[in-house]
Amino acid sequence: MEDPHVTRQLTALAALLAVACGGPEIITKRGSVPLPKQPTWAWGARDTVSRYELDPVAQNPVLHQRVVQAIDSTFRREGWKRVDDPSQAQVIVTYHIGIKRTTQLQTTSTSSGGYYGGYRWGYYGAPTFVTSTTQEVEYNEGALMVVVRDRATGKVAWEGVYKKRIEDTIKVTPENIQRGVDQLLAELK
């Protein structure tokens, strides 16, 4: 069952450019259904809602295993009780991982000429020359979307997206994944 609202939202969010290289961008939204305090929960069926999920990096089974473990660990710490039978859960949780490969124009300016003083060259000093070079820089942006639905109605109770520019030097370790999931799900309270 593909939710068109989730599809549109994930596509729109994934289409945004990274605001900054440093920290993550976290976007959360409460749904129309109230979220029970410390609910029972179960995993929902995996589905694909965006072409960004089809990237080979996003399909990595080790990455998915680490995300599942991180979400499970965070919910357990918050007092949520996981059940194996979705029909016994109050909420159903799904997640989506996407990778957006894009380019950004980067301009570098260099100047040359000019000496100190300015007496020989008049009031404004020696002539200077400035050249600008613009080049395309490729980068990847990763996103994790977690959706919590009310099992009885199927309506979204909460959804959140964690986006971060992926740098070559950053390692996708279990600790980094857990930190990102904790930051995202901190908004769930």
N, C-alpha and C. Protein backbone atom coordinates (compact mmCIF):
# COMPACT_ATOMS: atom_id res chain seq x y z
N MET A 1 0.85 -1.17 0.00
CA MET A 1 0.00 0.00 0.00
C MET A 1 0.90 1.23 0.00
N GLU A 2 0.90 1.97 -1.10
CA GLU A 2 1.74 3.15 -1.23
C GLU A 2 0.94 4.38 -0.88
N ASP A 3 1.41 5.14 0.08
CA ASP A 3 0.74 6.35 0.51
C ASP A 3 1.22 7.50 -0.37
N PRO A 4 0.35 8.11 -1.19
CA PRO A 4 0.79 9.18 -2.08
C PRO A 4 1.32 10.40 -1.33
N HIS A 5 0.80 10.64 -0.13
CA HIS A 5 1.30 11.76 0.67
C HIS A 5 2.77 11.55 1.02
N VAL A 6 3.11 10.34 1.45
CA VAL A 6 4.49 10.03 1.81
C VAL A 6 5.38 10.12 0.57
N THR A 7 4.89 9.62 -0.56
CA THR A 7 5.66 9.67 -1.80
C THR A 7 5.97 11.11 -2.19
N ARG A 8 4.97 11.96 -2.17
CA ARG A 8 5.18 13.37 -2.53
C ARG A 8 6.13 14.04 -1.56
N GLN A 9 5.96 13.77 -0.27
CA GLN A 9 6.79 14.44 0.71
C GLN A 9 8.24 14.00 0.61
N LEU A 10 8.47 12.69 0.48
CA LEU A 10 9.85 12.20 0.38
C LEU A 10 10.51 12.73 -0.88
N THR A 11 9.78 12.75 -1.98
CA THR A 11 10.34 13.26 -3.23
C THR A 11 10.68 14.74 -3.09
N ALA A 12 9.79 15.51 -2.50
CA ALA A 12 10.05 16.94 -2.33
C ALA A 12 11.23 17.18 -1.40
N LEU A 13 11.31 16.43 -0.31
CA LEU A 13 12.40 16.62 0.64
C LEU A 13 13.73 16.21 0.04
N ALA A 14 13.72 15.12 -0.71
CA ALA A 14 14.97 14.65 -1.31
C ALA A 14 15.44 15.59 -2.40
N ALA A 15 14.53 16.36 -2.98
CA ALA A 15 14.90 17.28 -4.05
C ALA A 15 15.57 18.55 -3.53
N LEU A 16 15.45 18.82 -2.24
CA LEU A 16 16.08 20.02 -1.68
C LEU A 16 17.59 19.85 -1.63
N LEU A 17 18.31 20.94 -1.82
CA LEU A 17 19.76 20.90 -1.70
C LEU A 17 20.15 20.97 -0.23
N ALA A 18 21.33 20.46 0.07
CA ALA A 18 21.81 20.51 1.45
C ALA A 18 22.02 21.96 1.87
N VAL A 19 21.56 22.30 3.04
CA VAL A 19 21.69 23.66 3.53
C VAL A 19 23.14 23.92 3.97
N ALA A 20 23.74 22.96 4.61
CA ALA A 20 25.11 23.12 5.06
C ALA A 20 25.79 21.78 5.13
N CYS A 21 27.12 21.80 5.01
CA CYS A 21 27.88 20.56 5.08
C CYS A 21 27.94 20.02 6.50
N GLY A 22 27.94 20.89 7.48
CA GLY A 22 28.17 20.50 8.86
C GLY A 22 27.16 19.56 9.45
N GLY A 23 26.09 20.09 9.95
CA GLY A 23 25.13 19.28 10.69
C GLY A 23 24.01 18.77 9.83
N PRO A 24 23.22 17.90 10.41
CA PRO A 24 22.10 17.35 9.66
C PRO A 24 20.92 18.31 9.62
N GLU A 25 20.04 18.06 8.68
CA GLU A 25 18.77 18.78 8.62
C GLU A 25 17.71 17.79 9.08
N ILE A 26 16.94 18.17 10.09
CA ILE A 26 15.91 17.29 10.63
C ILE A 26 14.56 17.97 10.47
N ILE A 27 13.65 17.27 9.82
CA ILE A 27 12.31 17.79 9.57
C ILE A 27 11.33 16.80 10.16
N THR A 28 10.44 17.26 11.02
CA THR A 28 9.45 16.36 11.62
C THR A 28 8.06 16.96 11.46
N LYS A 29 7.07 16.07 11.50
CA LYS A 29 5.69 16.51 11.35
C LYS A 29 4.79 15.57 12.13
N ARG A 30 3.91 16.13 12.92
CA ARG A 30 2.90 15.34 13.62
C ARG A 30 1.74 15.12 12.69
N GLY A 31 1.18 13.92 12.73
CA GLY A 31 0.03 13.60 11.90
C GLY A 31 -1.27 13.97 12.58
N SER A 32 -2.35 13.54 11.98
CA SER A 32 -3.68 13.87 12.50
C SER A 32 -4.12 12.94 13.63
N VAL A 33 -3.36 11.87 13.85
CA VAL A 33 -3.72 10.88 14.88
C VAL A 33 -2.79 11.08 16.08
N PRO A 34 -3.33 11.12 17.30
CA PRO A 34 -2.46 11.26 18.47
C PRO A 34 -1.61 10.00 18.67
N LEU A 35 -0.42 10.21 19.16
CA LEU A 35 0.51 9.12 19.40
C LEU A 35 0.41 8.69 20.86
N PRO A 36 0.13 7.40 21.12
CA PRO A 36 0.06 6.94 22.52
C PRO A 36 1.42 7.06 23.21
N LYS A 37 1.41 7.25 24.51
CA LYS A 37 2.66 7.30 25.27
C LYS A 37 3.15 5.86 25.47
N GLN A 38 4.39 5.62 25.12
CA GLN A 38 5.03 4.29 25.22
C GLN A 38 4.14 3.20 24.60
N PRO A 39 3.89 3.31 23.31
CA PRO A 39 2.99 2.33 22.66
C PRO A 39 3.68 1.01 22.36
N THR A 40 2.86 0.02 22.04
CA THR A 40 3.39 -1.21 21.45
C THR A 40 3.54 -0.92 19.96
N TRP A 41 4.58 -1.48 19.35
CA TRP A 41 4.83 -1.18 17.95
C TRP A 41 5.35 -2.42 17.23
N ALA A 42 5.22 -2.39 15.92
CA ALA A 42 5.73 -3.47 15.06
C ALA A 42 6.24 -2.84 13.77
N TRP A 43 7.12 -3.57 13.11
CA TRP A 43 7.61 -3.11 11.81
C TRP A 43 6.53 -3.29 10.76
N GLY A 44 6.39 -2.31 9.90
CA GLY A 44 5.48 -2.40 8.76
C GLY A 44 6.21 -3.00 7.57
N ALA A 45 5.45 -3.32 6.54
CA ALA A 45 6.03 -3.89 5.32
C ALA A 45 6.93 -2.85 4.64
N ARG A 46 8.08 -3.31 4.16
CA ARG A 46 8.99 -2.41 3.44
C ARG A 46 8.40 -2.10 2.08
N ASP A 47 8.45 -0.84 1.72
CA ASP A 47 8.01 -0.42 0.40
C ASP A 47 8.96 0.66 -0.10
N THR A 48 8.89 0.95 -1.37
CA THR A 48 9.73 1.97 -1.97
C THR A 48 8.85 3.14 -2.36
N VAL A 49 9.18 4.33 -1.88
CA VAL A 49 8.36 5.49 -2.18
C VAL A 49 9.09 6.53 -3.02
N SER A 50 10.38 6.31 -3.30
CA SER A 50 11.14 7.30 -4.05
C SER A 50 12.25 6.61 -4.84
N ARG A 51 12.59 7.21 -5.97
CA ARG A 51 13.68 6.66 -6.79
C ARG A 51 15.02 6.74 -6.06
N TYR A 52 15.14 7.65 -5.08
CA TYR A 52 16.39 7.77 -4.33
C TYR A 52 16.66 6.53 -3.48
N GLU A 53 15.63 5.77 -3.19
CA GLU A 53 15.82 4.53 -2.43
C GLU A 53 16.43 3.43 -3.28
N LEU A 54 16.41 3.59 -4.60
CA LEU A 54 16.92 2.56 -5.50
C LEU A 54 18.42 2.65 -5.71
N ASP A 55 19.07 3.67 -5.18
CA ASP A 55 20.51 3.80 -5.29
C ASP A 55 21.16 2.59 -4.63
N PRO A 56 22.20 2.02 -5.25
CA PRO A 56 22.85 0.83 -4.66
C PRO A 56 23.34 1.04 -3.22
N VAL A 57 23.80 2.23 -2.89
CA VAL A 57 24.24 2.49 -1.52
C VAL A 57 23.07 2.38 -0.55
N ALA A 58 21.91 2.87 -0.97
CA ALA A 58 20.71 2.82 -0.12
C ALA A 58 20.16 1.41 0.00
N GLN A 59 20.56 0.51 -0.88
CA GLN A 59 20.08 -0.87 -0.85
C GLN A 59 21.00 -1.79 -0.05
N ASN A 60 22.04 -1.26 0.53
CA ASN A 60 23.02 -2.06 1.27
C ASN A 60 22.35 -2.75 2.46
N PRO A 61 22.37 -4.10 2.50
CA PRO A 61 21.71 -4.80 3.60
C PRO A 61 22.34 -4.54 4.98
N VAL A 62 23.64 -4.30 5.03
CA VAL A 62 24.29 -4.00 6.31
C VAL A 62 23.79 -2.66 6.83
N LEU A 63 23.65 -1.68 5.95
CA LEU A 63 23.12 -0.37 6.34
C LEU A 63 21.70 -0.52 6.89
N HIS A 64 20.87 -1.30 6.21
CA HIS A 64 19.49 -1.50 6.67
C HIS A 64 19.47 -2.20 8.04
N GLN A 65 20.34 -3.18 8.22
CA GLN A 65 20.40 -3.88 9.51
C GLN A 65 20.78 -2.91 10.63
N ARG A 66 21.74 -2.04 10.37
CA ARG A 66 22.17 -1.08 11.39
C ARG A 66 21.08 -0.06 11.70
N VAL A 67 20.34 0.37 10.69
CA VAL A 67 19.24 1.32 10.92
C VAL A 67 18.15 0.67 11.75
N VAL A 68 17.80 -0.57 11.42
CA VAL A 68 16.77 -1.31 12.19
C VAL A 68 17.21 -1.44 13.64
N GLN A 69 18.47 -1.81 13.87
CA GLN A 69 18.97 -1.96 15.24
C GLN A 69 18.94 -0.62 15.99
N ALA A 70 19.29 0.46 15.29
CA ALA A 70 19.31 1.78 15.93
C ALA A 70 17.90 2.23 16.31
N ILE A 71 16.94 2.05 15.40
CA ILE A 71 15.56 2.44 15.70
C ILE A 71 15.02 1.59 16.85
N ASP A 72 15.27 0.30 16.79
CA ASP A 72 14.83 -0.62 17.84
C ASP A 72 15.40 -0.21 19.20
N SER A 73 16.69 0.10 19.22
CA SER A 73 17.36 0.49 20.46
C SER A 73 16.78 1.80 21.03
N THR A 74 16.56 2.77 20.16
CA THR A 74 16.01 4.06 20.62
C THR A 74 14.61 3.89 21.18
N PHE A 75 13.76 3.14 20.49
CA PHE A 75 12.40 2.91 20.98
C PHE A 75 12.41 2.16 22.31
N ARG A 76 13.28 1.17 22.44
CA ARG A 76 13.36 0.40 23.68
C ARG A 76 13.74 1.31 24.85
N ARG A 77 14.72 2.21 24.62
CA ARG A 77 15.13 3.16 25.66
C ARG A 77 14.00 4.10 26.06
N GLU A 78 13.12 4.42 25.12
CA GLU A 78 11.99 5.33 25.39
C GLU A 78 10.78 4.61 25.97
N GLY A 79 10.89 3.29 26.18
CA GLY A 79 9.80 2.54 26.79
C GLY A 79 8.78 1.98 25.81
N TRP A 80 9.07 2.05 24.52
CA TRP A 80 8.18 1.46 23.53
C TRP A 80 8.39 -0.05 23.55
N LYS A 81 7.32 -0.82 23.44
CA LYS A 81 7.42 -2.28 23.48
C LYS A 81 7.16 -2.83 22.08
N ARG A 82 8.17 -3.52 21.56
CA ARG A 82 8.05 -4.11 20.22
C ARG A 82 7.33 -5.45 20.31
N VAL A 83 6.39 -5.66 19.39
CA VAL A 83 5.69 -6.93 19.28
C VAL A 83 5.91 -7.47 17.87
N ASP A 84 5.93 -8.79 17.75
CA ASP A 84 6.18 -9.40 16.44
C ASP A 84 4.95 -9.41 15.55
N ASP A 85 3.78 -9.46 16.15
CA ASP A 85 2.54 -9.52 15.38
C ASP A 85 1.99 -8.10 15.18
N PRO A 86 2.02 -7.57 13.95
CA PRO A 86 1.52 -6.21 13.71
C PRO A 86 0.07 -6.00 14.14
N SER A 87 -0.73 -7.05 14.14
CA SER A 87 -2.13 -6.88 14.54
C SER A 87 -2.27 -6.61 16.04
N GLN A 88 -1.22 -6.88 16.81
CA GLN A 88 -1.23 -6.62 18.26
C GLN A 88 -0.59 -5.28 18.62
N ALA A 89 -0.06 -4.56 17.63
CA ALA A 89 0.63 -3.30 17.89
C ALA A 89 -0.33 -2.12 17.83
N GLN A 90 0.00 -1.09 18.59
CA GLN A 90 -0.77 0.16 18.51
C GLN A 90 -0.33 0.99 17.31
N VAL A 91 0.98 0.96 17.03
CA VAL A 91 1.51 1.72 15.89
C VAL A 91 2.39 0.82 15.03
N ILE A 92 2.45 1.18 13.75
CA ILE A 92 3.29 0.48 12.78
C ILE A 92 4.38 1.45 12.35
N VAL A 93 5.62 0.97 12.34
CA VAL A 93 6.77 1.82 12.01
C VAL A 93 7.39 1.33 10.70
N THR A 94 7.64 2.26 9.80
CA THR A 94 8.39 1.97 8.57
C THR A 94 9.50 3.01 8.45
N TYR A 95 10.49 2.68 7.65
CA TYR A 95 11.57 3.63 7.41
C TYR A 95 11.98 3.53 5.95
N HIS A 96 12.61 4.58 5.48
CA HIS A 96 13.09 4.65 4.10
C HIS A 96 14.47 5.28 4.11
N ILE A 97 15.39 4.73 3.31
CA ILE A 97 16.73 5.28 3.17
C ILE A 97 16.89 5.70 1.71
N GLY A 98 17.35 6.91 1.49
CA GLY A 98 17.56 7.39 0.13
C GLY A 98 18.89 8.10 0.00
N ILE A 99 19.46 8.01 -1.19
CA ILE A 99 20.71 8.70 -1.51
C ILE A 99 20.45 9.56 -2.74
N LYS A 100 20.75 10.84 -2.64
CA LYS A 100 20.61 11.74 -3.77
C LYS A 100 22.00 12.15 -4.22
N ARG A 101 22.30 11.86 -5.47
CA ARG A 101 23.58 12.26 -6.05
C ARG A 101 23.32 13.52 -6.87
N THR A 102 24.05 14.58 -6.58
CA THR A 102 23.79 15.85 -7.25
C THR A 102 25.08 16.63 -7.42
N THR A 103 24.99 17.74 -8.12
CA THR A 103 26.14 18.61 -8.32
C THR A 103 25.81 20.01 -7.81
N GLN A 104 26.87 20.73 -7.50
CA GLN A 104 26.74 22.09 -7.02
C GLN A 104 27.83 22.91 -7.71
N LEU A 105 27.51 24.13 -8.12
CA LEU A 105 28.51 25.00 -8.72
C LEU A 105 29.32 25.67 -7.62
N GLN A 106 30.65 25.61 -7.78
CA GLN A 106 31.55 26.20 -6.79
C GLN A 106 32.47 27.17 -7.52
N THR A 107 32.52 28.42 -7.09
CA THR A 107 33.33 29.44 -7.73
C THR A 107 34.49 29.83 -6.82
N THR A 108 35.68 29.87 -7.42
CA THR A 108 36.89 30.27 -6.70
C THR A 108 37.46 31.50 -7.39
N SER A 109 37.76 32.53 -6.64
CA SER A 109 38.34 33.76 -7.20
C SER A 109 39.76 33.91 -6.70
N THR A 110 40.66 34.31 -7.61
CA THR A 110 42.04 34.59 -7.24
C THR A 110 42.41 35.95 -7.80
N SER A 111 43.26 36.65 -7.09
CA SER A 111 43.69 37.97 -7.55
C SER A 111 45.20 38.01 -7.61
N SER A 112 45.71 38.89 -8.47
CA SER A 112 47.16 39.05 -8.58
C SER A 112 47.46 40.52 -8.82
N GLY A 113 48.70 40.89 -8.63
CA GLY A 113 49.11 42.27 -8.84
C GLY A 113 48.96 43.07 -7.57
N GLY A 114 49.28 44.33 -7.70
CA GLY A 114 49.16 45.22 -6.56
C GLY A 114 50.39 45.14 -5.67
N TYR A 115 50.92 46.26 -5.35
CA TYR A 115 52.05 46.34 -4.44
C TYR A 115 51.67 47.26 -3.30
N TYR A 116 52.45 47.24 -2.24
CA TYR A 116 52.15 48.11 -1.12
C TYR A 116 52.48 49.55 -1.47
N GLY A 117 52.03 50.40 -0.70
CA GLY A 117 52.37 51.82 -0.86
C GLY A 117 51.34 52.57 -1.66
N GLY A 118 51.43 52.51 -2.95
CA GLY A 118 50.49 53.20 -3.81
C GLY A 118 50.99 54.55 -4.29
N TYR A 119 52.23 54.96 -3.93
CA TYR A 119 52.70 56.28 -4.35
C TYR A 119 52.96 56.33 -5.84
N ARG A 120 53.59 55.32 -6.42
CA ARG A 120 53.89 55.32 -7.84
C ARG A 120 52.64 55.14 -8.68
N TRP A 121 51.69 54.41 -8.15
CA TRP A 121 50.52 54.04 -8.94
C TRP A 121 49.35 54.97 -8.70
N GLY A 122 49.54 55.98 -7.97
CA GLY A 122 48.45 56.92 -7.73
C GLY A 122 47.71 56.57 -6.46
N TYR A 123 46.63 57.24 -6.27
CA TYR A 123 45.87 57.13 -5.03
C TYR A 123 45.35 55.72 -4.79
N TYR A 124 44.92 55.00 -5.84
CA TYR A 124 44.28 53.69 -5.67
C TYR A 124 45.25 52.51 -5.71
N GLY A 125 46.51 52.74 -5.90
CA GLY A 125 47.48 51.67 -5.88
C GLY A 125 47.66 51.01 -7.24
N ALA A 126 48.42 49.94 -7.25
CA ALA A 126 48.76 49.24 -8.49
C ALA A 126 47.53 48.54 -9.06
N PRO A 127 47.53 48.33 -10.39
CA PRO A 127 46.41 47.59 -10.98
C PRO A 127 46.42 46.14 -10.50
N THR A 128 45.24 45.60 -10.28
CA THR A 128 45.10 44.21 -9.85
C THR A 128 44.22 43.48 -10.84
N PHE A 129 44.38 42.19 -10.88
CA PHE A 129 43.59 41.35 -11.77
C PHE A 129 42.92 40.26 -10.96
N VAL A 130 41.67 40.04 -11.23
CA VAL A 130 40.91 39.01 -10.53
C VAL A 130 40.38 38.03 -11.56
N THR A 131 40.59 36.75 -11.31
CA THR A 131 40.02 35.72 -12.18
C THR A 131 39.14 34.81 -11.33
N SER A 132 38.06 34.36 -11.94
CA SER A 132 37.14 33.46 -11.25
C SER A 132 37.02 32.17 -12.05
N THR A 133 37.02 31.07 -11.34
CA THR A 133 36.85 29.77 -11.95
C THR A 133 35.65 29.10 -11.32
N THR A 134 34.74 28.64 -12.15
CA THR A 134 33.55 27.94 -11.65
C THR A 134 33.61 26.50 -12.12
N GLN A 135 33.38 25.59 -11.20
CA GLN A 135 33.38 24.17 -11.54
C GLN A 135 32.25 23.46 -10.83
N GLU A 136 31.84 22.34 -11.40
CA GLU A 136 30.80 21.53 -10.77
C GLU A 136 31.45 20.59 -9.77
N VAL A 137 30.87 20.51 -8.59
CA VAL A 137 31.35 19.61 -7.55
C VAL A 137 30.23 18.61 -7.27
N GLU A 138 30.55 17.34 -7.37
CA GLU A 138 29.55 16.30 -7.10
C GLU A 138 29.54 15.98 -5.61
N TYR A 139 28.35 15.76 -5.08
CA TYR A 139 28.23 15.33 -3.69
C TYR A 139 26.99 14.47 -3.54
N ASN A 140 26.95 13.75 -2.44
CA ASN A 140 25.81 12.88 -2.13
C ASN A 140 25.14 13.39 -0.86
N GLU A 141 23.83 13.24 -0.85
CA GLU A 141 23.06 13.58 0.34
C GLU A 141 22.26 12.34 0.72
N GLY A 142 22.39 11.93 1.97
CA GLY A 142 21.64 10.77 2.45
C GLY A 142 20.47 11.22 3.29
N ALA A 143 19.40 10.43 3.25
CA ALA A 143 18.21 10.76 4.04
C ALA A 143 17.64 9.49 4.66
N LEU A 144 17.19 9.63 5.88
CA LEU A 144 16.47 8.56 6.57
C LEU A 144 15.11 9.13 6.93
N MET A 145 14.07 8.45 6.51
CA MET A 145 12.70 8.87 6.83
C MET A 145 12.07 7.78 7.68
N VAL A 146 11.50 8.16 8.81
CA VAL A 146 10.80 7.23 9.69
C VAL A 146 9.34 7.68 9.75
N VAL A 147 8.43 6.72 9.53
CA VAL A 147 7.00 7.01 9.55
C VAL A 147 6.35 6.13 10.60
N VAL A 148 5.57 6.74 11.51
CA VAL A 148 4.84 6.01 12.55
C VAL A 148 3.35 6.19 12.23
N ARG A 149 2.67 5.06 11.99
CA ARG A 149 1.25 5.09 11.65
C ARG A 149 0.42 4.42 12.75
N ASP A 150 -0.76 4.95 12.95
CA ASP A 150 -1.73 4.30 13.83
C ASP A 150 -2.19 3.02 13.14
N ARG A 151 -2.06 1.88 13.81
CA ARG A 151 -2.42 0.61 13.17
C ARG A 151 -3.90 0.53 12.85
N ALA A 152 -4.74 1.01 13.74
CA ALA A 152 -6.19 0.88 13.56
C ALA A 152 -6.70 1.67 12.36
N THR A 153 -6.17 2.88 12.16
CA THR A 153 -6.68 3.72 11.07
C THR A 153 -5.76 3.76 9.86
N GLY A 154 -4.48 3.42 10.05
CA GLY A 154 -3.52 3.52 8.96
C GLY A 154 -3.03 4.94 8.71
N LYS A 155 -3.50 5.88 9.52
CA LYS A 155 -3.11 7.28 9.34
C LYS A 155 -1.77 7.55 10.01
N VAL A 156 -1.06 8.54 9.48
CA VAL A 156 0.25 8.90 10.00
C VAL A 156 0.09 9.63 11.33
N ALA A 157 0.80 9.13 12.36
CA ALA A 157 0.82 9.79 13.67
C ALA A 157 2.04 10.71 13.78
N TRP A 158 3.13 10.33 13.12
CA TRP A 158 4.36 11.13 13.16
C TRP A 158 5.25 10.69 12.01
N GLU A 159 5.99 11.63 11.46
CA GLU A 159 7.00 11.30 10.46
C GLU A 159 8.16 12.27 10.60
N GLY A 160 9.34 11.76 10.33
CA GLY A 160 10.52 12.59 10.43
C GLY A 160 11.54 12.22 9.38
N VAL A 161 12.31 13.21 8.96
CA VAL A 161 13.36 13.00 7.96
C VAL A 161 14.66 13.58 8.51
N TYR A 162 15.71 12.78 8.42
CA TYR A 162 17.06 13.18 8.81
C TYR A 162 17.87 13.22 7.51
N LYS A 163 18.38 14.40 7.16
CA LYS A 163 19.18 14.53 5.93
C LYS A 163 20.56 15.05 6.28
N LYS A 164 21.54 14.51 5.59
CA LYS A 164 22.91 14.96 5.83
C LYS A 164 23.73 14.75 4.57
N ARG A 165 24.58 15.71 4.31
CA ARG A 165 25.51 15.57 3.19
C ARG A 165 26.53 14.51 3.56
N ILE A 166 26.77 13.59 2.65
CA ILE A 166 27.68 12.48 2.91
C ILE A 166 29.06 12.86 2.39
N GLU A 167 30.00 12.93 3.28
CA GLU A 167 31.39 13.23 2.92
C GLU A 167 32.17 11.93 2.84
N ASP A 168 33.19 11.91 2.00
CA ASP A 168 34.01 10.71 1.85
C ASP A 168 34.71 10.34 3.16
N THR A 169 35.03 11.35 3.97
CA THR A 169 35.78 11.08 5.19
C THR A 169 34.90 10.55 6.32
N ILE A 170 33.60 10.72 6.19
CA ILE A 170 32.70 10.26 7.24
C ILE A 170 32.44 8.77 7.05
N LYS A 171 32.62 8.03 8.10
CA LYS A 171 32.36 6.59 8.03
C LYS A 171 30.96 6.32 8.56
N VAL A 172 30.28 5.45 7.86
CA VAL A 172 28.93 5.06 8.29
C VAL A 172 29.10 3.92 9.29
N THR A 173 29.29 4.29 10.54
CA THR A 173 29.50 3.32 11.60
C THR A 173 28.20 3.13 12.36
N PRO A 174 28.08 2.03 13.10
CA PRO A 174 26.89 1.85 13.94
C PRO A 174 26.68 3.02 14.91
N GLU A 175 27.77 3.58 15.42
CA GLU A 175 27.66 4.70 16.36
C GLU A 175 27.09 5.94 15.68
N ASN A 176 27.57 6.23 14.45
CA ASN A 176 27.05 7.40 13.72
C ASN A 176 25.59 7.21 13.34
N ILE A 177 25.22 5.99 12.95
CA ILE A 177 23.83 5.71 12.62
C ILE A 177 22.96 5.87 13.86
N GLN A 178 23.41 5.33 14.99
CA GLN A 178 22.64 5.45 16.23
C GLN A 178 22.48 6.91 16.62
N ARG A 179 23.54 7.70 16.48
CA ARG A 179 23.48 9.12 16.82
C ARG A 179 22.45 9.83 15.94
N GLY A 180 22.45 9.54 14.64
CA GLY A 180 21.48 10.16 13.74
C GLY A 180 20.05 9.76 14.05
N VAL A 181 19.83 8.47 14.33
CA VAL A 181 18.49 7.99 14.68
C VAL A 181 18.03 8.63 15.99
N ASP A 182 18.93 8.71 16.97
CA ASP A 182 18.58 9.35 18.24
C ASP A 182 18.17 10.81 18.04
N GLN A 183 18.92 11.54 17.19
CA GLN A 183 18.59 12.94 16.93
C GLN A 183 17.23 13.06 16.26
N LEU A 184 16.96 12.19 15.30
CA LEU A 184 15.68 12.23 14.60
C LEU A 184 14.52 11.88 15.52
N LEU A 185 14.66 10.78 16.25
CA LEU A 185 13.55 10.30 17.07
C LEU A 185 13.39 11.09 18.37
N ALA A 186 14.36 11.95 18.71
CA ALA A 186 14.20 12.83 19.87
C ALA A 186 13.00 13.75 19.68
N GLU A 187 12.66 14.03 18.44
CA GLU A 187 11.52 14.89 18.12
C GLU A 187 10.19 14.16 18.28
N LEU A 188 10.24 12.86 18.48
CA LEU A 188 9.03 12.03 18.54
C LEU A 188 8.31 12.15 19.87
N LYS A 189 8.97 12.61 20.91
CA LYS A 189 8.39 12.66 22.26
C LYS A 189 7.19 13.56 22.33
